[in-house]
Amino acid sequence: MPSEHVAAPPRRTTLTDVARLAGVSVATASKALNGRSEVRAETRARVVSAAAQLSFSPNALARGLLAGRSGTVGLVTHDLEGRFSIPTLMGAEDAFGTGRMSVFLCDARGDAIREQHHVQALLERRVDGLIVVGARPDPRSPLAHGLPVPVVYAYAPSAHPDDLSVVCDNVGAGRMSIEHLLACGRRNIAIISGDPSYGAAQDRATGALAALADAGLAPVGGAVSFGSWSEAWGRGATRILLAQDTPVDAILCGSDQIARGVLDALREGGRDVPSDVAVMGHDNWEILATGARPELTSVDMNLEELGRRAAHRLFEAIEGRAEPGIETIASRVVPRSSTAPVD
């Protein structure tokens, strides 16, 4: 019985076929289809036309290999369970998702040796770039220079001026906080902040004091009261403030946790919020801010936007368009009941 003839499957169109039809080299065809700038416009148009005629569509892996890239990036965080790193990572992953990049996530847990280990492991996986997310927003030592891929530092900037960093604008956040309280009719404003060793605490105080000075005012007590990032400190500092019997109609707090303690102490002291004293927090930690009574006005640091910007900066660096320096992301005030305007 004669064997049946089975037709061979049609041959898949290759980049070589596109190059031949366009009359260019395979390398030039690759550069044209990957949007490389060194290809002339008329050559690119000829290659694109040839690809369309042949219904040529390279897969993502092939495009990556032709461009010398893996389509992956590494995210190294020092505070995976923390309040600030998670939204930053979410924003970065959103941006990578739109660019069809795969992400390797590693938690260094604040350990420099562990960080080095993760970075080396990511480089061995041939990632195209790295984002390093700090646990606190103070300058940090950079990774070893001379790495084969670009690095962007998010939330905690690199101390080296030639590195790429994306951070929150803490000075601007302090200024806009005071401006909000002034717009609500408050004039006797006390400032209770956290650990003075944090650069963010100092920067927010700098912005707040500058805004008060512009209005011809000084903080109640003449200075910022620094302490710790805790409700206990908020309660204790407020009790001291009320015991001094100094006029106060607003308290700006360095964090939402401090603000929750301030609200407790004002309630204990018979002061109504916001009629007697307005209270404003920082961080917009929603579980604290919306669970407070009254709900707490707070400053949102736009951490997801910070993560997205870090990802975009990394994309630019991968494409060879890196611009060294620090980019700051503006914060925003989220008004709630605790700072209702004075009648």
C-alpha atoms as a PDB file:
ATOM      1  CA  MET A   1       0.000   0.000   0.000  1.00  0.00           C
ATOM      2  CA  PRO A   2       1.561   3.292  -1.035  1.00  0.00           C
ATOM      3  CA  SER A   3       2.384   5.671   1.764  1.00  0.00           C
ATOM      4  CA  GLU A   4       0.390   8.875   2.076  1.00  0.00           C
ATOM      5  CA  HIS A   5       2.228  12.052   1.189  1.00  0.00           C
ATOM      6  CA  VAL A   6       2.173  14.480   4.136  1.00  0.00           C
ATOM      7  CA  ALA A   7       2.773  18.114   3.272  1.00  0.00           C
ATOM      8  CA  ALA A   8       5.629  19.692   5.180  1.00  0.00           C
ATOM      9  CA  PRO A   9       4.598  22.589   7.430  1.00  0.00           C
ATOM     10  CA  PRO A  10       5.299  26.000   5.935  1.00  0.00           C
ATOM     11  CA  ARG A  11       8.695  27.386   6.844  1.00  0.00           C
ATOM     12  CA  ARG A  12       8.617  30.187   9.419  1.00  0.00           C
ATOM     13  CA  THR A  13       9.737  33.546   8.109  1.00  0.00           C
ATOM     14  CA  THR A  14      13.046  34.589   9.620  1.00  0.00           C
ATOM     15  CA  LEU A  15      14.896  37.838  10.125  1.00  0.00           C
ATOM     16  CA  THR A  16      17.244  36.733   7.320  1.00  0.00           C
ATOM     17  CA  ASP A  17      14.267  36.685   4.930  1.00  0.00           C
ATOM     18  CA  VAL A  18      13.318  40.223   5.965  1.00  0.00           C
ATOM     19  CA  ALA A  19      16.873  41.449   5.542  1.00  0.00           C
ATOM     20  CA  ARG A  20      17.148  39.857   2.079  1.00  0.00           C
ATOM     21  CA  LEU A  21      13.884  41.433   0.884  1.00  0.00           C
ATOM     22  CA  ALA A  22      14.860  44.855   2.274  1.00  0.00           C
ATOM     23  CA  GLY A  23      18.350  44.631   0.800  1.00  0.00           C
ATOM     24  CA  VAL A  24      20.160  45.133   4.108  1.00  0.00           C
ATOM     25  CA  SER A  25      22.269  43.058   6.471  1.00  0.00           C
ATOM     26  CA  VAL A  26      20.675  40.968   9.217  1.00  0.00           C
ATOM     27  CA  ALA A  27      22.259  43.281  11.814  1.00  0.00           C
ATOM     28  CA  THR A  28      20.706  46.359  10.195  1.00  0.00           C
ATOM     29  CA  ALA A  29      17.303  44.657   9.989  1.00  0.00           C
ATOM     30  CA  SER A  30      17.536  43.794  13.691  1.00  0.00           C
ATOM     31  CA  LYS A  31      18.426  47.379  14.637  1.00  0.00           C
ATOM     32  CA  ALA A  32      15.611  48.769  12.491  1.00  0.00           C
ATOM     33  CA  LEU A  33      12.958  46.509  14.030  1.00  0.00           C
ATOM     34  CA  ASN A  34      14.215  47.241  17.555  1.00  0.00           C
ATOM     35  CA  GLY A  35      14.009  51.015  17.083  1.00  0.00           C
ATOM     36  CA  ARG A  36      17.748  51.666  17.330  1.00  0.00           C
ATOM     37  CA  SER A  37      18.617  55.289  16.556  1.00  0.00           C
ATOM     38  CA  GLU A  38      21.637  54.589  14.314  1.00  0.00           C
ATOM     39  CA  VAL A  39      19.427  53.309  11.451  1.00  0.00           C
ATOM     40  CA  ARG A  40      18.409  55.888   8.836  1.00  0.00           C
ATOM     41  CA  ALA A  41      14.694  56.621   8.543  1.00  0.00           C
ATOM     42  CA  GLU A  42      14.418  55.416   4.930  1.00  0.00           C
ATOM     43  CA  THR A  43      16.244  52.166   5.775  1.00  0.00           C
ATOM     44  CA  ARG A  44      13.962  51.577   8.764  1.00  0.00           C
ATOM     45  CA  ALA A  45      10.888  52.152   6.576  1.00  0.00           C
ATOM     46  CA  ARG A  46      12.178  49.648   3.997  1.00  0.00           C
ATOM     47  CA  VAL A  47      12.799  47.002   6.676  1.00  0.00           C
ATOM     48  CA  VAL A  48       9.407  47.551   8.316  1.00  0.00           C
ATOM     49  CA  SER A  49       7.712  47.268   4.911  1.00  0.00           C
ATOM     50  CA  ALA A  50       9.551  44.022   4.185  1.00  0.00           C
ATOM     51  CA  ALA A  51       8.575  42.603   7.588  1.00  0.00           C
ATOM     52  CA  ALA A  52       4.928  43.494   6.928  1.00  0.00           C
ATOM     53  CA  GLN A  53       4.994  41.848   3.455  1.00  0.00           C
ATOM     54  CA  LEU A  54       6.401  38.656   4.966  1.00  0.00           C
ATOM     55  CA  SER A  55       4.156  38.767   8.071  1.00  0.00           C
ATOM     56  CA  PHE A  56       7.301  38.633  10.182  1.00  0.00           C
ATOM     57  CA  SER A  57       6.739  39.058  13.932  1.00  0.00           C
ATOM     58  CA  PRO A  58       9.683  38.117  16.191  1.00  0.00           C
ATOM     59  CA  ASN A  59       8.762  36.819  19.615  1.00  0.00           C
ATOM     60  CA  ALA A  60       9.715  38.662  22.782  1.00  0.00           C
ATOM     61  CA  LEU A  61      12.615  36.334  23.573  1.00  0.00           C
ATOM     62  CA  ALA A  62      14.070  36.741  20.096  1.00  0.00           C
ATOM     63  CA  ARG A  63      13.769  40.517  20.296  1.00  0.00           C
ATOM     64  CA  GLY A  64      15.521  40.467  23.624  1.00  0.00           C
ATOM     65  CA  LEU A  65      18.347  38.294  22.377  1.00  0.00           C
ATOM     66  CA  LEU A  66      18.802  40.448  19.291  1.00  0.00           C
ATOM     67  CA  ALA A  67      19.023  43.532  21.509  1.00  0.00           C
ATOM     68  CA  GLY A  68      21.399  41.810  23.927  1.00  0.00           C
ATOM     69  CA  ARG A  69      18.846  41.842  26.743  1.00  0.00           C
ATOM     70  CA  SER A  70      17.111  39.261  28.905  1.00  0.00           C
ATOM     71  CA  GLY A  71      13.837  41.141  29.524  1.00  0.00           C
ATOM     72  CA  THR A  72      14.318  40.826  33.290  1.00  0.00           C
ATOM     73  CA  VAL A  73      15.176  43.263  36.077  1.00  0.00           C
ATOM     74  CA  GLY A  74      16.097  42.833  39.712  1.00  0.00           C
ATOM     75  CA  LEU A  75      14.376  44.545  42.645  1.00  0.00           C
ATOM     76  CA  VAL A  76      16.364  44.490  45.881  1.00  0.00           C
ATOM     77  CA  THR A  77      14.520  45.762  48.952  1.00  0.00           C
ATOM     78  CA  HIS A  78      15.684  46.204  52.524  1.00  0.00           C
ATOM     79  CA  ASP A  79      12.241  46.239  54.093  1.00  0.00           C
ATOM     80  CA  LEU A  80       9.869  43.821  52.347  1.00  0.00           C
ATOM     81  CA  GLU A  81       7.410  43.836  55.264  1.00  0.00           C
ATOM     82  CA  GLY A  82       7.715  47.587  55.788  1.00  0.00           C
ATOM     83  CA  ARG A  83       5.187  50.328  55.414  1.00  0.00           C
ATOM     84  CA  PHE A  84       7.123  52.231  52.748  1.00  0.00           C
ATOM     85  CA  SER A  85       8.833  49.674  50.529  1.00  0.00           C
ATOM     86  CA  ILE A  86       5.702  47.736  49.539  1.00  0.00           C
ATOM     87  CA  PRO A  87       3.874  50.576  47.715  1.00  0.00           C
ATOM     88  CA  THR A  88       7.182  51.568  46.094  1.00  0.00           C
ATOM     89  CA  LEU A  89       7.612  48.020  44.805  1.00  0.00           C
ATOM     90  CA  MET A  90       3.989  47.909  43.640  1.00  0.00           C
ATOM     91  CA  GLY A  91       4.494  51.036  41.558  1.00  0.00           C
ATOM     92  CA  ALA A  92       7.698  49.686  40.046  1.00  0.00           C
ATOM     93  CA  GLU A  93       6.094  46.347  39.186  1.00  0.00           C
ATOM     94  CA  ASP A  94       3.147  48.151  37.559  1.00  0.00           C
ATOM     95  CA  ALA A  95       5.547  50.023  35.301  1.00  0.00           C
ATOM     96  CA  PHE A  96       7.539  46.901  34.478  1.00  0.00           C
ATOM     97  CA  GLY A  97       4.312  45.072  33.667  1.00  0.00           C
ATOM     98  CA  THR A  98       3.350  47.647  31.051  1.00  0.00           C
ATOM     99  CA  GLY A  99       6.799  47.175  29.508  1.00  0.00           C
ATOM    100  CA  ARG A 100       6.503  43.371  29.604  1.00  0.00           C
ATOM    101  CA  MET A 101       9.525  42.984  31.861  1.00  0.00           C
ATOM    102  CA  SER A 102       9.894  40.099  34.291  1.00  0.00           C
ATOM    103  CA  VAL A 103      10.931  40.974  37.846  1.00  0.00           C
ATOM    104  CA  PHE A 104      13.130  39.102  40.316  1.00  0.00           C
ATOM    105  CA  LEU A 105      12.422  40.317  43.866  1.00  0.00           C
ATOM    106  CA  CYS A 106      14.967  39.885  46.693  1.00  0.00           C
ATOM    107  CA  ASP A 107      14.811  41.007  50.329  1.00  0.00           C
ATOM    108  CA  ALA A 108      18.188  42.037  51.778  1.00  0.00           C
ATOM    109  CA  ARG A 109      16.662  42.703  55.248  1.00  0.00           C
ATOM    110  CA  GLY A 110      18.964  45.624  55.940  1.00  0.00           C
ATOM    111  CA  ASP A 111      22.092  43.458  55.629  1.00  0.00           C
ATOM    112  CA  ALA A 112      24.863  44.716  53.311  1.00  0.00           C
ATOM    113  CA  ILE A 113      26.355  41.224  52.903  1.00  0.00           C
ATOM    114  CA  ARG A 114      22.972  39.774  51.977  1.00  0.00           C
ATOM    115  CA  GLU A 115      22.512  42.633  49.532  1.00  0.00           C
ATOM    116  CA  GLN A 116      25.834  41.810  47.827  1.00  0.00           C
ATOM    117  CA  HIS A 117      24.814  38.160  47.575  1.00  0.00           C
ATOM    118  CA  HIS A 118      21.464  39.038  45.971  1.00  0.00           C
ATOM    119  CA  VAL A 119      23.055  41.469  43.524  1.00  0.00           C
ATOM    120  CA  GLN A 120      25.581  38.860  42.403  1.00  0.00           C
ATOM    121  CA  ALA A 121      22.838  36.256  42.001  1.00  0.00           C
ATOM    122  CA  LEU A 122      20.761  38.660  39.907  1.00  0.00           C
ATOM    123  CA  LEU A 123      23.728  39.520  37.702  1.00  0.00           C
ATOM    124  CA  GLU A 124      24.310  35.808  37.111  1.00  0.00           C
ATOM    125  CA  ARG A 125      20.716  35.649  35.864  1.00  0.00           C
ATOM    126  CA  ARG A 126      21.686  38.341  33.339  1.00  0.00           C
ATOM    127  CA  VAL A 127      19.158  40.939  34.496  1.00  0.00           C
ATOM    128  CA  ASP A 128      19.080  44.129  32.426  1.00  0.00           C
ATOM    129  CA  GLY A 129      19.091  46.448  35.449  1.00  0.00           C
ATOM    130  CA  LEU A 130      18.547  46.810  39.190  1.00  0.00           C
ATOM    131  CA  ILE A 131      16.349  48.893  41.479  1.00  0.00           C
ATOM    132  CA  VAL A 132      17.445  49.088  45.110  1.00  0.00           C
ATOM    133  CA  VAL A 133      14.742  50.171  47.608  1.00  0.00           C
ATOM    134  CA  GLY A 134      15.945  51.406  51.003  1.00  0.00           C
ATOM    135  CA  ALA A 135      14.305  50.900  54.384  1.00  0.00           C
ATOM    136  CA  ARG A 136      14.607  54.560  55.415  1.00  0.00           C
ATOM    137  CA  PRO A 137      14.893  57.676  53.257  1.00  0.00           C
ATOM    138  CA  ASP A 138      18.477  58.604  54.136  1.00  0.00           C
ATOM    139  CA  PRO A 139      21.449  58.511  51.722  1.00  0.00           C
ATOM    140  CA  ARG A 140      23.095  55.110  51.528  1.00  0.00           C
ATOM    141  CA  SER A 141      26.400  53.762  50.257  1.00  0.00           C
ATOM    142  CA  PRO A 142      26.137  52.803  46.591  1.00  0.00           C
ATOM    143  CA  LEU A 143      26.637  49.334  45.208  1.00  0.00           C
ATOM    144  CA  ALA A 144      30.084  48.625  43.810  1.00  0.00           C
ATOM    145  CA  HIS A 145      30.743  50.849  40.802  1.00  0.00           C
ATOM    146  CA  GLY A 146      31.513  49.276  37.459  1.00  0.00           C
ATOM    147  CA  LEU A 147      28.514  46.918  37.509  1.00  0.00           C
ATOM    148  CA  PRO A 148      27.575  45.677  34.021  1.00  0.00           C
ATOM    149  CA  VAL A 149      23.971  46.933  34.334  1.00  0.00           C
ATOM    150  CA  PRO A 150      22.402  50.266  35.380  1.00  0.00           C
ATOM    151  CA  VAL A 151      21.157  50.747  38.948  1.00  0.00           C
ATOM    152  CA  VAL A 152      18.401  53.050  40.240  1.00  0.00           C
ATOM    153  CA  TYR A 153      18.059  53.784  43.967  1.00  0.00           C
ATOM    154  CA  ALA A 154      14.490  54.343  45.204  1.00  0.00           C
ATOM    155  CA  TYR A 155      13.313  55.960  48.466  1.00  0.00           C
ATOM    156  CA  ALA A 156      16.858  55.932  49.902  1.00  0.00           C
ATOM    157  CA  PRO A 157      19.193  57.826  47.531  1.00  0.00           C
ATOM    158  CA  SER A 158      22.737  56.821  46.703  1.00  0.00           C
ATOM    159  CA  ALA A 159      25.372  59.012  48.325  1.00  0.00           C
ATOM    160  CA  HIS A 160      27.263  59.150  45.011  1.00  0.00           C
ATOM    161  CA  PRO A 161      26.276  62.125  42.812  1.00  0.00           C
ATOM    162  CA  ASP A 162      26.724  60.184  39.567  1.00  0.00           C
ATOM    163  CA  ASP A 163      24.116  57.583  40.495  1.00  0.00           C
ATOM    164  CA  LEU A 164      20.408  57.591  39.625  1.00  0.00           C
ATOM    165  CA  SER A 165      18.073  58.077  42.600  1.00  0.00           C
ATOM    166  CA  VAL A 166      14.342  58.740  43.015  1.00  0.00           C
ATOM    167  CA  VAL A 167      13.197  60.051  46.406  1.00  0.00           C
ATOM    168  CA  CYS A 168      10.330  61.772  48.203  1.00  0.00           C
ATOM    169  CA  ASP A 169      10.367  65.561  48.523  1.00  0.00           C
ATOM    170  CA  ASN A 170      10.367  65.786  52.315  1.00  0.00           C
ATOM    171  CA  VAL A 171      11.162  69.495  52.437  1.00  0.00           C
ATOM    172  CA  GLY A 172       8.216  70.202  50.156  1.00  0.00           C
ATOM    173  CA  ALA A 173       6.028  67.913  52.276  1.00  0.00           C
ATOM    174  CA  GLY A 174       6.806  69.911  55.411  1.00  0.00           C
ATOM    175  CA  ARG A 175       6.033  73.163  53.633  1.00  0.00           C
ATOM    176  CA  MET A 176       2.706  71.994  52.194  1.00  0.00           C
ATOM    177  CA  SER A 177       1.645  70.701  55.622  1.00  0.00           C
ATOM    178  CA  ILE A 178       1.986  74.133  57.198  1.00  0.00           C
ATOM    179  CA  GLU A 179       0.375  75.782  54.198  1.00  0.00           C
ATOM    180  CA  HIS A 180      -2.634  73.495  54.632  1.00  0.00           C
ATOM    181  CA  LEU A 181      -2.976  74.354  58.324  1.00  0.00           C
ATOM    182  CA  LEU A 182      -2.624  78.069  57.598  1.00  0.00           C
ATOM    183  CA  ALA A 183      -5.317  77.785  54.927  1.00  0.00           C
ATOM    184  CA  CYS A 184      -7.558  76.225  57.600  1.00  0.00           C
ATOM    185  CA  GLY A 185      -7.177  79.381  59.697  1.00  0.00           C
ATOM    186  CA  ARG A 186      -4.624  78.020  62.196  1.00  0.00           C
ATOM    187  CA  ARG A 187      -1.860  80.268  63.496  1.00  0.00           C
ATOM    188  CA  ASN A 188      -0.559  78.754  66.744  1.00  0.00           C
ATOM    189  CA  ILE A 189       1.002  75.602  65.336  1.00  0.00           C
ATOM    190  CA  ALA A 190       3.129  73.141  67.297  1.00  0.00           C
ATOM    191  CA  ILE A 191       5.332  70.571  65.523  1.00  0.00           C
ATOM    192  CA  ILE A 192       5.898  67.130  67.070  1.00  0.00           C
ATOM    193  CA  SER A 193       8.183  64.929  65.000  1.00  0.00           C
ATOM    194  CA  GLY A 194      10.079  61.660  65.240  1.00  0.00           C
ATOM    195  CA  ASP A 195      13.663  60.478  65.490  1.00  0.00           C
ATOM    196  CA  PRO A 196      15.964  63.437  64.733  1.00  0.00           C
ATOM    197  CA  SER A 197      18.620  61.102  63.299  1.00  0.00           C
ATOM    198  CA  TYR A 198      16.374  60.567  60.267  1.00  0.00           C
ATOM    199  CA  GLY A 199      17.135  62.952  57.432  1.00  0.00           C
ATOM    200  CA  ALA A 200      13.447  62.897  56.513  1.00  0.00           C
ATOM    201  CA  ALA A 201      12.489  64.246  59.955  1.00  0.00           C
ATOM    202  CA  GLN A 202      14.979  67.102  59.585  1.00  0.00           C
ATOM    203  CA  ASP A 203      13.908  67.861  56.001  1.00  0.00           C
ATOM    204  CA  ARG A 204      10.200  67.981  56.889  1.00  0.00           C
ATOM    205  CA  ALA A 205      10.993  70.290  59.786  1.00  0.00           C
ATOM    206  CA  THR A 206      13.029  72.525  57.469  1.00  0.00           C
ATOM    207  CA  GLY A 207      10.113  72.875  55.057  1.00  0.00           C
ATOM    208  CA  ALA A 208       7.599  73.457  57.845  1.00  0.00           C
ATOM    209  CA  LEU A 209       9.695  76.108  59.589  1.00  0.00           C
ATOM    210  CA  ALA A 210      10.310  77.911  56.288  1.00  0.00           C
ATOM    211  CA  ALA A 211       6.554  78.052  55.587  1.00  0.00           C
ATOM    212  CA  LEU A 212       5.889  79.410  59.084  1.00  0.00           C
ATOM    213  CA  ALA A 213       8.610  82.026  58.660  1.00  0.00           C
ATOM    214  CA  ASP A 214       7.110  83.108  55.325  1.00  0.00           C
ATOM    215  CA  ALA A 215       3.849  83.726  57.207  1.00  0.00           C
ATOM    216  CA  GLY A 216       5.653  85.704  59.916  1.00  0.00           C
ATOM    217  CA  LEU A 217       5.144  82.934  62.468  1.00  0.00           C
ATOM    218  CA  ALA A 218       7.216  80.556  64.613  1.00  0.00           C
ATOM    219  CA  PRO A 219       6.228  77.138  65.963  1.00  0.00           C
ATOM    220  CA  VAL A 220       4.607  76.981  69.392  1.00  0.00           C
ATOM    221  CA  GLY A 221       7.443  76.598  71.887  1.00  0.00           C
ATOM    222  CA  GLY A 222       9.914  78.112  69.426  1.00  0.00           C
ATOM    223  CA  ALA A 223      11.221  74.801  68.022  1.00  0.00           C
ATOM    224  CA  VAL A 224      10.311  71.372  66.697  1.00  0.00           C
ATOM    225  CA  SER A 225       9.848  68.688  69.369  1.00  0.00           C
ATOM    226  CA  PHE A 226      11.762  65.621  68.167  1.00  0.00           C
ATOM    227  CA  GLY A 227      11.390  62.203  69.795  1.00  0.00           C
ATOM    228  CA  SER A 228      10.456  58.813  68.324  1.00  0.00           C
ATOM    229  CA  TRP A 229       8.067  57.479  65.671  1.00  0.00           C
ATOM    230  CA  SER A 230       5.513  56.215  68.185  1.00  0.00           C
ATOM    231  CA  GLU A 231       2.071  56.893  69.629  1.00  0.00           C
ATOM    232  CA  ALA A 232       3.631  56.966  73.099  1.00  0.00           C
ATOM    233  CA  TRP A 233       5.836  59.890  72.083  1.00  0.00           C
ATOM    234  CA  GLY A 234       2.846  61.688  70.568  1.00  0.00           C
ATOM    235  CA  ARG A 235       0.895  61.322  73.811  1.00  0.00           C
ATOM    236  CA  GLY A 236       3.804  62.369  76.006  1.00  0.00           C
ATOM    237  CA  ALA A 237       4.790  65.393  73.937  1.00  0.00           C
ATOM    238  CA  THR A 238       1.185  66.605  73.798  1.00  0.00           C
ATOM    239  CA  ARG A 239       0.746  66.296  77.557  1.00  0.00           C
ATOM    240  CA  ILE A 240       3.863  68.425  78.046  1.00  0.00           C
ATOM    241  CA  LEU A 241       2.533  70.957  75.543  1.00  0.00           C
ATOM    242  CA  LEU A 242      -0.859  71.235  77.257  1.00  0.00           C
ATOM    243  CA  ALA A 243       0.767  71.514  80.701  1.00  0.00           C
ATOM    244  CA  GLN A 244       2.605  74.635  79.523  1.00  0.00           C
ATOM    245  CA  ASP A 245      -0.770  76.297  78.945  1.00  0.00           C
ATOM    246  CA  THR A 246       0.531  77.864  75.714  1.00  0.00           C
ATOM    247  CA  PRO A 247      -2.070  78.803  73.085  1.00  0.00           C
ATOM    248  CA  VAL A 248      -2.148  76.139  70.385  1.00  0.00           C
ATOM    249  CA  ASP A 249      -4.719  75.604  67.657  1.00  0.00           C
ATOM    250  CA  ALA A 250      -2.904  73.034  65.499  1.00  0.00           C
ATOM    251  CA  ILE A 251      -0.342  70.259  65.884  1.00  0.00           C
ATOM    252  CA  LEU A 252       1.665  69.032  62.906  1.00  0.00           C
ATOM    253  CA  CYS A 253       2.974  65.498  63.475  1.00  0.00           C
ATOM    254  CA  GLY A 254       5.936  63.788  61.861  1.00  0.00           C
ATOM    255  CA  SER A 255       4.001  60.551  61.300  1.00  0.00           C
ATOM    256  CA  ASP A 256       0.504  59.136  61.558  1.00  0.00           C
ATOM    257  CA  GLN A 257       1.553  57.035  64.533  1.00  0.00           C
ATOM    258  CA  ILE A 258       2.631  60.146  66.416  1.00  0.00           C
ATOM    259  CA  ALA A 259      -0.634  61.812  65.415  1.00  0.00           C
ATOM    260  CA  ARG A 260      -2.704  58.964  66.889  1.00  0.00           C
ATOM    261  CA  GLY A 261      -0.971  59.535  70.233  1.00  0.00           C
ATOM    262  CA  VAL A 262      -1.578  63.272  69.940  1.00  0.00           C
ATOM    263  CA  LEU A 263      -5.300  62.661  69.387  1.00  0.00           C
ATOM    264  CA  ASP A 264      -5.420  60.483  72.519  1.00  0.00           C
ATOM    265  CA  ALA A 265      -3.761  63.126  74.690  1.00  0.00           C
ATOM    266  CA  LEU A 266      -5.965  65.937  73.377  1.00  0.00           C
ATOM    267  CA  ARG A 267      -9.055  63.876  74.105  1.00  0.00           C
ATOM    268  CA  GLU A 268      -7.781  63.175  77.637  1.00  0.00           C
ATOM    269  CA  GLY A 269      -7.094  66.894  78.079  1.00  0.00           C
ATOM    270  CA  GLY A 270     -10.615  67.901  77.097  1.00  0.00           C
ATOM    271  CA  ARG A 271      -9.600  69.476  73.771  1.00  0.00           C
ATOM    272  CA  ASP A 272     -11.879  68.908  70.807  1.00  0.00           C
ATOM    273  CA  VAL A 273     -10.422  68.030  67.401  1.00  0.00           C
ATOM    274  CA  PRO A 274     -10.731  69.941  65.167  1.00  0.00           C
ATOM    275  CA  SER A 275     -12.736  72.724  66.869  1.00  0.00           C
ATOM    276  CA  ASP A 276     -10.049  73.504  69.471  1.00  0.00           C
ATOM    277  CA  VAL A 277      -6.960  71.953  67.887  1.00  0.00           C
ATOM    278  CA  ALA A 278      -6.388  70.686  64.347  1.00  0.00           C
ATOM    279  CA  VAL A 279      -4.132  67.627  64.017  1.00  0.00           C
ATOM    280  CA  MET A 280      -2.224  66.580  60.894  1.00  0.00           C
ATOM    281  CA  GLY A 281      -0.120  63.473  60.308  1.00  0.00           C
ATOM    282  CA  HIS A 282       2.373  62.290  57.727  1.00  0.00           C
ATOM    283  CA  ASP A 283       2.638  59.084  55.603  1.00  0.00           C
ATOM    284  CA  ASN A 284      -1.115  58.635  54.962  1.00  0.00           C
ATOM    285  CA  TRP A 285      -1.029  55.167  56.479  1.00  0.00           C
ATOM    286  CA  GLU A 286      -4.661  54.494  55.663  1.00  0.00           C
ATOM    287  CA  ILE A 287      -5.360  51.947  58.396  1.00  0.00           C
ATOM    288  CA  LEU A 288      -4.273  54.544  60.979  1.00  0.00           C
ATOM    289  CA  ALA A 289      -5.568  57.678  59.277  1.00  0.00           C
ATOM    290  CA  THR A 290      -9.084  56.417  58.521  1.00  0.00           C
ATOM    291  CA  GLY A 291      -9.335  54.478  61.785  1.00  0.00           C
ATOM    292  CA  ALA A 292      -8.648  57.607  63.856  1.00  0.00           C
ATOM    293  CA  ARG A 293     -11.489  59.608  65.401  1.00  0.00           C
ATOM    294  CA  PRO A 294     -11.800  62.050  63.825  1.00  0.00           C
ATOM    295  CA  GLU A 295     -10.240  60.753  60.620  1.00  0.00           C
ATOM    296  CA  LEU A 296      -6.740  62.101  60.223  1.00  0.00           C
ATOM    297  CA  THR A 297      -5.549  64.546  57.582  1.00  0.00           C
ATOM    298  CA  SER A 298      -2.168  63.334  56.387  1.00  0.00           C
ATOM    299  CA  VAL A 299       0.563  63.812  53.790  1.00  0.00           C
ATOM    300  CA  ASP A 300       0.795  61.077  51.173  1.00  0.00           C
ATOM    301  CA  MET A 301       4.328  60.604  49.816  1.00  0.00           C
ATOM    302  CA  ASN A 302       3.128  59.135  46.488  1.00  0.00           C
ATOM    303  CA  LEU A 303       5.259  56.035  46.951  1.00  0.00           C
ATOM    304  CA  GLU A 304       3.653  54.124  44.091  1.00  0.00           C
ATOM    305  CA  GLU A 305       4.484  57.008  41.770  1.00  0.00           C
ATOM    306  CA  LEU A 306       8.012  56.948  43.180  1.00  0.00           C
ATOM    307  CA  GLY A 307       8.261  53.269  42.236  1.00  0.00           C
ATOM    308  CA  ARG A 308       6.898  53.932  38.755  1.00  0.00           C
ATOM    309  CA  ARG A 309       9.394  56.748  38.208  1.00  0.00           C
ATOM    310  CA  ALA A 310      12.242  54.526  39.376  1.00  0.00           C
ATOM    311  CA  ALA A 311      11.187  51.923  36.813  1.00  0.00           C
ATOM    312  CA  HIS A 312      10.991  54.528  34.035  1.00  0.00           C
ATOM    313  CA  ARG A 313      14.432  55.850  34.971  1.00  0.00           C
ATOM    314  CA  LEU A 314      15.764  52.296  34.760  1.00  0.00           C
ATOM    315  CA  PHE A 315      14.178  51.831  31.324  1.00  0.00           C
ATOM    316  CA  GLU A 316      15.917  55.024  30.175  1.00  0.00           C
ATOM    317  CA  ALA A 317      19.248  53.851  31.582  1.00  0.00           C
ATOM    318  CA  ILE A 318      18.909  50.477  29.858  1.00  0.00           C
ATOM    319  CA  GLU A 319      18.317  52.357  26.597  1.00  0.00           C
ATOM    320  CA  GLY A 320      21.472  54.398  27.200  1.00  0.00           C
ATOM    321  CA  ARG A 321      19.615  57.598  28.125  1.00  0.00           C
ATOM    322  CA  ALA A 322      20.542  57.785  31.811  1.00  0.00           C
ATOM    323  CA  GLU A 323      20.631  61.182  33.532  1.00  0.00           C
ATOM    324  CA  PRO A 324      22.608  61.057  36.790  1.00  0.00           C
ATOM    325  CA  GLY A 325      21.264  62.758  39.885  1.00  0.00           C
ATOM    326  CA  ILE A 326      18.354  62.738  42.294  1.00  0.00           C
ATOM    327  CA  GLU A 327      14.750  63.096  41.153  1.00  0.00           C
ATOM    328  CA  THR A 328      12.239  64.106  43.834  1.00  0.00           C
ATOM    329  CA  ILE A 329       8.579  63.096  43.795  1.00  0.00           C
ATOM    330  CA  ALA A 330       6.119  65.641  45.165  1.00  0.00           C
ATOM    331  CA  SER A 331       3.848  64.667  48.050  1.00  0.00           C
ATOM    332  CA  ARG A 332       0.166  65.578  48.401  1.00  0.00           C
ATOM    333  CA  VAL A 333      -2.107  66.490  51.292  1.00  0.00           C
ATOM    334  CA  VAL A 334      -5.072  64.161  51.883  1.00  0.00           C
ATOM    335  CA  PRO A 335      -7.594  66.269  53.857  1.00  0.00           C
ATOM    336  CA  ARG A 336      -9.857  64.590  56.402  1.00  0.00           C
ATOM    337  CA  SER A 337     -11.895  65.678  59.414  1.00  0.00           C
ATOM    338  CA  SER A 338      -9.003  66.418  61.808  1.00  0.00           C
ATOM    339  CA  THR A 339      -8.135  69.743  60.147  1.00  0.00           C
ATOM    340  CA  ALA A 340     -11.549  71.243  59.418  1.00  0.00           C
ATOM    341  CA  PRO A 341     -11.271  75.025  58.963  1.00  0.00           C
ATOM    342  CA  VAL A 342     -11.977  77.370  61.855  1.00  0.00           C
ATOM    343  CA  ASP A 343     -15.402  79.035  61.566  1.00  0.00           C
END
